[in-house]
Amino acid sequence: MGRVQDKVTIITGAARGQGESHARLFAQEGAKVLLTDVLDEQGEQVAAALRAAGHDVHYTSLNVSSEEGWAAVVAEAEHRWGRIDVLINNAGIVGTMKSVADELLEGWQKMTAINQQGVFLGIKFAAPVIERTGGGAIVNTCSINGTVGNPGGFSYQASKGAVKMMTRAAAMEYADRGVRVNSVSPGLVMTHMAEQEGAESNREFSEATPMKRAAQPLEVSYGVLYLASDEASYVTGADLLIDGGYTAQ
């Protein structure tokens, strides 16, 4: 316990699924957590439950594609706790999962607004505060679909490939300024997002994974926890694959 004790942490997409798992683990490990999402009722419920358990956790609404929204969230965290130590850019969508020929500009733009622009704005607004208030870590959520190509899901795969390179570029910018920037690339994780893909798709994905199963959200959260903690003090620009061996094939 206490692996991120008193570290002020912003987590996007924290109302459910993988983000909620991050929030619960970080709170249990001593962090002061600001949850954000667009699912306000669910986000408030998660925050309230963690406060009832004695944790310093609060919720605020954030559309990650909004520049004004990001400015407000970063200002709130700094006003409430005096600094920011960790940003977890977790919010993301699967989108239409259409091929490049079938994807519409509207689908592409929605995907990039959340999965790419949201990460860009998070780094843009949080990194200078993290640097100024003592240094820390940013962890972006990528995907094995940012490493390997598959038919369909063109916009999603493009967005995750972009996140990987944004991570590396930002890591180089901040390497000597006290801000480490890394990413995690999960395979199939049993969350609400996976449920949208359907049981048959999940079965096929699990069968194609060497460990023959999907991950549970907590298994990914522990990877994020490591990258955010001082245990990873010499790690930056890395992408941690948490995929049951999928990309090792």
Foldseek 3Di string as FASTA:
>chain_A
DQLCAAAEEEFEPCLFDLNVLLVVVCQVNHYQYEYEYQPVVSQQVSQVVSVVVPGNYYYDYADLLDLVRLLVVLVVSCVVRVAHAEYELEDAALFDQAFPVPDDPVRLVVRCSRLPSSVVSNCVNRVVRCLVRPAFEYEYEAACLLVDPDGTSVSNSVSRVNVLVVQLVVQVVCVVRRYAGEYEHEYAEPTPNNVVVPDVVQQVSLCLAPVSHHHYSNLVSVVVSCRGGCVCVVDHSYYHYHYNCNVVD
